[in-house]
C-alpha atoms as a PDB file:
ATOM      1  CA  UNK A   1    -148.340  71.559  40.347  1.00  0.00           C
ATOM      2  CA  UNK A   2    -149.387  73.834  37.699  1.00  0.00           C
ATOM      3  CA  UNK A   3    -151.796  73.184  34.566  1.00  0.00           C
ATOM      4  CA  UNK A   4    -149.164  73.925  31.909  1.00  0.00           C
ATOM      5  CA  UNK A   5    -146.892  70.931  32.625  1.00  0.00           C
ATOM      6  CA  UNK A   6    -147.409  67.192  32.413  1.00  0.00           C
ATOM      7  CA  UNK A   7    -147.401  65.510  35.580  1.00  0.00           C
ATOM      8  CA  UNK A   8    -144.454  63.549  34.907  1.00  0.00           C
ATOM      9  CA  UNK A   9    -142.332  66.478  34.821  1.00  0.00           C
ATOM     10  CA  UNK A  10    -142.983  66.791  38.779  1.00  0.00           C
ATOM     11  CA  UNK A  11    -141.249  64.990  41.679  1.00  0.00           C
ATOM     12  CA  UNK A  12    -143.424  62.860  42.900  1.00  0.00           C
ATOM     13  CA  UNK A  13    -141.536  63.074  45.837  1.00  0.00           C
ATOM     14  CA  UNK A  14    -140.819  67.106  46.929  1.00  0.00           C
ATOM     15  CA  UNK A  15    -138.511  65.746  49.622  1.00  0.00           C
ATOM     16  CA  UNK A  16    -135.753  64.491  47.114  1.00  0.00           C
ATOM     17  CA  UNK A  17    -132.983  65.807  45.091  1.00  0.00           C
ATOM     18  CA  UNK A  18    -131.348  63.821  41.959  1.00  0.00           C
ATOM     19  CA  UNK A  19    -128.293  64.464  43.260  1.00  0.00           C
ATOM     20  CA  UNK A  20    -124.527  63.322  42.097  1.00  0.00           C
ATOM     21  CA  UNK A  21    -120.838  64.300  42.565  1.00  0.00           C
ATOM     22  CA  UNK A  22    -119.505  65.758  38.643  1.00  0.00           C
ATOM     23  CA  UNK A  23    -116.131  67.353  37.755  1.00  0.00           C
ATOM     24  CA  UNK A  24    -117.586  70.430  36.366  1.00  0.00           C
ATOM     25  CA  UNK A  25    -115.878  72.384  33.175  1.00  0.00           C
ATOM     26  CA  UNK A  26    -114.591  75.712  33.675  1.00  0.00           C
ATOM     27  CA  UNK A  27    -115.738  78.000  30.068  1.00  0.00           C
ATOM     28  CA  UNK A  28    -112.839  76.640  27.866  1.00  0.00           C
ATOM     29  CA  UNK A  29    -112.753  72.912  28.793  1.00  0.00           C
ATOM     30  CA  UNK A  30    -116.809  73.325  28.179  1.00  0.00           C
ATOM     31  CA  UNK A  31    -116.442  75.151  24.749  1.00  0.00           C
ATOM     32  CA  UNK A  32    -113.710  72.512  23.808  1.00  0.00           C
ATOM     33  CA  UNK A  33    -115.983  69.638  25.037  1.00  0.00           C
ATOM     34  CA  UNK A  34    -118.700  71.555  22.774  1.00  0.00           C
ATOM     35  CA  UNK A  35    -116.364  71.331  19.812  1.00  0.00           C
ATOM     36  CA  UNK A  36    -115.853  67.782  19.530  1.00  0.00           C
ATOM     37  CA  UNK A  37    -119.487  66.740  20.949  1.00  0.00           C
ATOM     38  CA  UNK A  38    -120.201  69.021  17.821  1.00  0.00           C
ATOM     39  CA  UNK A  39    -117.639  67.346  15.901  1.00  0.00           C
ATOM     40  CA  UNK A  40    -118.693  63.589  16.997  1.00  0.00           C
ATOM     41  CA  UNK A  41    -122.443  64.536  15.665  1.00  0.00           C
ATOM     42  CA  UNK A  42    -121.232  64.548  12.359  1.00  0.00           C
ATOM     43  CA  UNK A  43    -119.680  61.617  11.841  1.00  0.00           C
ATOM     44  CA  UNK A  44    -122.359  59.582  14.150  1.00  0.00           C
ATOM     45  CA  UNK A  45    -125.725  61.967  14.538  1.00  0.00           C
ATOM     46  CA  UNK A  46    -127.768  61.281  17.032  1.00  0.00           C
ATOM     47  CA  UNK A  47    -128.795  64.001  20.095  1.00  0.00           C
ATOM     48  CA  UNK A  48    -126.138  66.389  21.086  1.00  0.00           C
ATOM     49  CA  UNK A  49    -125.856  66.980  24.493  1.00  0.00           C
ATOM     50  CA  UNK A  50    -126.363  70.734  25.836  1.00  0.00           C
ATOM     51  CA  UNK A  51    -123.113  72.658  26.442  1.00  0.00           C
ATOM     52  CA  UNK A  52    -124.203  73.911  29.794  1.00  0.00           C
ATOM     53  CA  UNK A  53    -124.988  70.161  30.940  1.00  0.00           C
ATOM     54  CA  UNK A  54    -121.620  68.629  29.663  1.00  0.00           C
ATOM     55  CA  UNK A  55    -119.654  67.536  33.546  1.00  0.00           C
ATOM     56  CA  UNK A  56    -118.002  64.050  34.334  1.00  0.00           C
ATOM     57  CA  UNK A  57    -119.645  62.383  36.694  1.00  0.00           C
ATOM     58  CA  UNK A  58    -117.671  60.923  39.851  1.00  0.00           C
ATOM     59  CA  UNK A  59    -120.809  59.165  42.060  1.00  0.00           C
ATOM     60  CA  UNK A  60    -124.708  59.160  40.897  1.00  0.00           C
ATOM     61  CA  UNK A  61    -126.559  58.998  43.785  1.00  0.00           C
ATOM     62  CA  UNK A  62    -129.973  59.339  42.890  1.00  0.00           C
ATOM     63  CA  UNK A  63    -132.738  60.699  44.070  1.00  0.00           C
ATOM     64  CA  UNK A  64    -131.954  61.415  47.609  1.00  0.00           C
ATOM     65  CA  UNK A  65    -133.960  62.917  50.525  1.00  0.00           C
ATOM     66  CA  UNK A  66    -132.967  66.111  51.253  1.00  0.00           C
ATOM     67  CA  UNK A  67    -132.580  65.659  54.893  1.00  0.00           C
ATOM     68  CA  UNK A  68    -129.155  63.599  53.617  1.00  0.00           C
ATOM     69  CA  UNK A  69    -128.271  67.038  51.956  1.00  0.00           C
ATOM     70  CA  UNK A  70    -125.945  67.916  55.042  1.00  0.00           C
ATOM     71  CA  UNK A  71    -124.547  64.362  55.182  1.00  0.00           C
ATOM     72  CA  UNK A  72    -123.460  64.768  51.620  1.00  0.00           C
ATOM     73  CA  UNK A  73    -121.299  67.675  52.562  1.00  0.00           C
ATOM     74  CA  UNK A  74    -119.427  66.291  55.449  1.00  0.00           C
ATOM     75  CA  UNK A  75    -118.351  63.094  52.886  1.00  0.00           C
ATOM     76  CA  UNK A  76    -117.198  66.129  50.795  1.00  0.00           C
ATOM     77  CA  UNK A  77    -116.034  67.526  53.552  1.00  0.00           C
ATOM     78  CA  UNK A  78    -113.456  64.333  54.590  1.00  0.00           C
ATOM     79  CA  UNK A  79    -111.897  64.592  50.891  1.00  0.00           C
ATOM     80  CA  UNK A  80    -108.546  65.208  50.480  1.00  0.00           C
ATOM     81  CA  UNK A  81    -107.383  65.249  46.584  1.00  0.00           C
ATOM     82  CA  UNK A  82    -104.491  67.257  44.233  1.00  0.00           C
ATOM     83  CA  UNK A  83    -105.662  69.707  41.497  1.00  0.00           C
ATOM     84  CA  UNK A  84    -104.542  67.538  38.198  1.00  0.00           C
ATOM     85  CA  UNK A  85    -104.227  68.018  34.682  1.00  0.00           C
ATOM     86  CA  UNK A  86    -107.364  64.950  32.988  1.00  0.00           C
ATOM     87  CA  UNK A  87    -106.820  64.593  28.795  1.00  0.00           C
ATOM     88  CA  UNK A  88    -109.743  63.590  27.230  1.00  0.00           C
ATOM     89  CA  UNK A  89    -108.312  61.661  23.930  1.00  0.00           C
ATOM     90  CA  UNK A  90    -110.405  58.555  23.414  1.00  0.00           C
ATOM     91  CA  UNK A  91    -113.528  58.962  21.445  1.00  0.00           C
ATOM     92  CA  UNK A  92    -116.072  56.001  22.420  1.00  0.00           C
ATOM     93  CA  UNK A  93    -119.390  54.241  21.878  1.00  0.00           C
ATOM     94  CA  UNK A  94    -121.269  52.242  24.155  1.00  0.00           C
ATOM     95  CA  UNK A  95    -124.086  50.457  22.045  1.00  0.00           C
ATOM     96  CA  UNK A  96    -126.528  49.131  24.723  1.00  0.00           C
ATOM     97  CA  UNK A  97    -127.447  52.810  25.797  1.00  0.00           C
ATOM     98  CA  UNK A  98    -126.593  54.912  22.468  1.00  0.00           C
ATOM     99  CA  UNK A  99    -124.045  56.643  24.526  1.00  0.00           C
ATOM    100  CA  UNK A 100    -121.322  58.410  22.102  1.00  0.00           C
ATOM    101  CA  UNK A 101    -118.411  60.109  24.868  1.00  0.00           C
ATOM    102  CA  UNK A 102    -114.779  61.071  24.868  1.00  0.00           C
ATOM    103  CA  UNK A 103    -112.516  59.648  27.890  1.00  0.00           C
ATOM    104  CA  UNK A 104    -109.853  59.685  28.804  1.00  0.00           C
ATOM    105  CA  UNK A 105    -107.284  56.547  27.565  1.00  0.00           C
ATOM    106  CA  UNK A 106    -105.474  57.405  30.556  1.00  0.00           C
ATOM    107  CA  UNK A 107    -106.712  58.259  34.407  1.00  0.00           C
ATOM    108  CA  UNK A 108    -103.972  60.170  36.397  1.00  0.00           C
ATOM    109  CA  UNK A 109    -103.968  58.505  39.568  1.00  0.00           C
ATOM    110  CA  UNK A 110    -105.475  62.390  41.613  1.00  0.00           C
ATOM    111  CA  UNK A 111    -108.698  61.458  39.427  1.00  0.00           C
ATOM    112  CA  UNK A 112    -108.585  57.783  40.456  1.00  0.00           C
ATOM    113  CA  UNK A 113    -107.729  59.062  44.066  1.00  0.00           C
ATOM    114  CA  UNK A 114    -110.483  61.871  44.047  1.00  0.00           C
ATOM    115  CA  UNK A 115    -112.904  59.077  43.274  1.00  0.00           C
ATOM    116  CA  UNK A 116    -111.785  56.260  45.485  1.00  0.00           C
ATOM    117  CA  UNK A 117    -111.544  58.637  48.637  1.00  0.00           C
ATOM    118  CA  UNK A 118    -115.384  60.243  47.551  1.00  0.00           C
ATOM    119  CA  UNK A 119    -116.738  56.758  47.270  1.00  0.00           C
ATOM    120  CA  UNK A 120    -115.041  55.931  50.227  1.00  0.00           C
ATOM    121  CA  UNK A 121    -116.838  58.391  52.206  1.00  0.00           C
ATOM    122  CA  UNK A 122    -119.898  58.149  50.588  1.00  0.00           C
ATOM    123  CA  UNK A 123    -119.835  54.083  51.698  1.00  0.00           C
ATOM    124  CA  UNK A 124    -118.679  54.990  55.391  1.00  0.00           C
ATOM    125  CA  UNK A 125    -122.374  57.152  55.574  1.00  0.00           C
ATOM    126  CA  UNK A 126    -124.393  54.677  54.391  1.00  0.00           C
ATOM    127  CA  UNK A 127    -124.510  56.214  50.768  1.00  0.00           C
ATOM    128  CA  UNK A 128    -124.234  53.375  48.301  1.00  0.00           C
ATOM    129  CA  UNK A 129    -121.417  53.480  45.494  1.00  0.00           C
ATOM    130  CA  UNK A 130    -121.402  52.318  41.845  1.00  0.00           C
ATOM    131  CA  UNK A 131    -120.123  48.990  42.376  1.00  0.00           C
ATOM    132  CA  UNK A 132    -118.748  49.273  38.415  1.00  0.00           C
ATOM    133  CA  UNK A 133    -114.979  50.458  37.598  1.00  0.00           C
ATOM    134  CA  UNK A 134    -115.284  54.339  37.429  1.00  0.00           C
ATOM    135  CA  UNK A 135    -114.819  55.169  33.790  1.00  0.00           C
ATOM    136  CA  UNK A 136    -113.740  58.839  33.213  1.00  0.00           C
ATOM    137  CA  UNK A 137    -115.871  60.003  30.327  1.00  0.00           C
ATOM    138  CA  UNK A 138    -117.815  63.087  29.293  1.00  0.00           C
ATOM    139  CA  UNK A 139    -121.094  61.884  27.808  1.00  0.00           C
ATOM    140  CA  UNK A 140    -121.966  63.699  24.029  1.00  0.00           C
ATOM    141  CA  UNK A 141    -124.115  62.527  22.067  1.00  0.00           C
ATOM    142  CA  UNK A 142    -127.639  60.008  23.214  1.00  0.00           C
ATOM    143  CA  UNK A 143    -129.364  57.858  21.089  1.00  0.00           C
ATOM    144  CA  UNK A 144    -126.409  57.910  18.457  1.00  0.00           C
ATOM    145  CA  UNK A 145    -125.652  55.200  15.717  1.00  0.00           C
ATOM    146  CA  UNK A 146    -121.826  54.854  16.462  1.00  0.00           C
ATOM    147  CA  UNK A 147    -119.606  53.882  14.137  1.00  0.00           C
ATOM    148  CA  UNK A 148    -116.016  53.730  13.012  1.00  0.00           C
ATOM    149  CA  UNK A 149    -113.807  55.708  16.545  1.00  0.00           C
ATOM    150  CA  UNK A 150    -112.488  58.205  15.103  1.00  0.00           C
ATOM    151  CA  UNK A 151    -109.768  60.401  15.997  1.00  0.00           C
ATOM    152  CA  UNK A 152    -110.005  63.543  17.824  1.00  0.00           C
ATOM    153  CA  UNK A 153    -108.353  66.084  19.056  1.00  0.00           C
ATOM    154  CA  UNK A 154    -107.581  66.067  22.976  1.00  0.00           C
ATOM    155  CA  UNK A 155    -109.038  68.248  25.431  1.00  0.00           C
ATOM    156  CA  UNK A 156    -107.358  69.161  28.137  1.00  0.00           C
ATOM    157  CA  UNK A 157    -108.876  69.745  31.846  1.00  0.00           C
ATOM    158  CA  UNK A 158    -107.435  71.541  34.707  1.00  0.00           C
ATOM    159  CA  UNK A 159    -108.748  69.888  37.220  1.00  0.00           C
ATOM    160  CA  UNK A 160    -108.722  71.837  40.193  1.00  0.00           C
ATOM    161  CA  UNK A 161    -112.439  71.273  42.069  1.00  0.00           C
ATOM    162  CA  UNK A 162    -115.586  69.028  42.062  1.00  0.00           C
ATOM    163  CA  UNK A 163    -119.337  69.742  42.596  1.00  0.00           C
ATOM    164  CA  UNK A 164    -122.526  67.953  44.359  1.00  0.00           C
ATOM    165  CA  UNK A 165    -125.081  68.478  41.099  1.00  0.00           C
ATOM    166  CA  UNK A 166    -128.849  68.194  41.202  1.00  0.00           C
ATOM    167  CA  UNK A 167    -130.374  67.051  38.323  1.00  0.00           C
ATOM    168  CA  UNK A 168    -133.970  68.912  37.827  1.00  0.00           C
ATOM    169  CA  UNK A 169    -136.438  67.403  34.729  1.00  0.00           C
ATOM    170  CA  UNK A 170    -138.233  70.170  32.794  1.00  0.00           C
ATOM    171  CA  UNK A 171    -140.090  69.461  29.747  1.00  0.00           C
ATOM    172  CA  UNK A 172    -137.511  70.631  27.555  1.00  0.00           C
ATOM    173  CA  UNK A 173    -134.664  68.150  28.474  1.00  0.00           C
ATOM    174  CA  UNK A 174    -132.487  67.306  32.451  1.00  0.00           C
ATOM    175  CA  UNK A 175    -130.931  70.897  33.941  1.00  0.00           C
ATOM    176  CA  UNK A 176    -128.028  70.622  36.216  1.00  0.00           C
ATOM    177  CA  UNK A 177    -127.493  73.265  39.297  1.00  0.00           C
ATOM    178  CA  UNK A 178    -124.167  73.084  41.065  1.00  0.00           C
ATOM    179  CA  UNK A 179    -125.092  73.272  45.109  1.00  0.00           C
ATOM    180  CA  UNK A 180    -122.112  73.655  46.399  1.00  0.00           C
ATOM    181  CA  UNK A 181    -118.040  72.616  44.789  1.00  0.00           C
ATOM    182  CA  UNK A 182    -114.735  71.210  47.023  1.00  0.00           C
ATOM    183  CA  UNK A 183    -111.078  72.992  46.122  1.00  0.00           C
ATOM    184  CA  UNK A 184    -108.772  70.817  45.288  1.00  0.00           C
ATOM    185  CA  UNK A 185    -105.171  70.845  46.520  1.00  0.00           C
ATOM    186  CA  UNK A 186    -102.869  72.471  44.599  1.00  0.00           C
END
């Protein structure tokens, strides 16, 4: 541990990683999401998410032993799904955690198939899965007061792969690193 960073920014267990599976946007989609985040910020305030952190979580794993990384890769290797277009066309706000987001008013069946196949593989391998129904959304604001739901320009996201991502907490905030990507069939 270095003297310059507070202890809470260093993992107490270096043999664990904070992990999640996600859709990771291409540059054009990331730019469109960032523009929408800026626009929502003008309406709702709060703290905008950095463009480099924008993603859509498919399955959150949390603190996971490094020794389980191969098992996670094996789970993802079994997932078979097709590429699709995700249209994020609905702004929303969750009061309980003060999050502003952009989501899909209608999730394409391929998206739901991908989430279902991934959760089935994870559960079969003994990993915990979220019991709540999956709501496809990208968090754009934190600590926002929300407000009237403004109509926004849809973001069209051509989804051709998914990724295993690790979250690293640093003094300036979370940093995400894609560990590996899996292509979806076309």
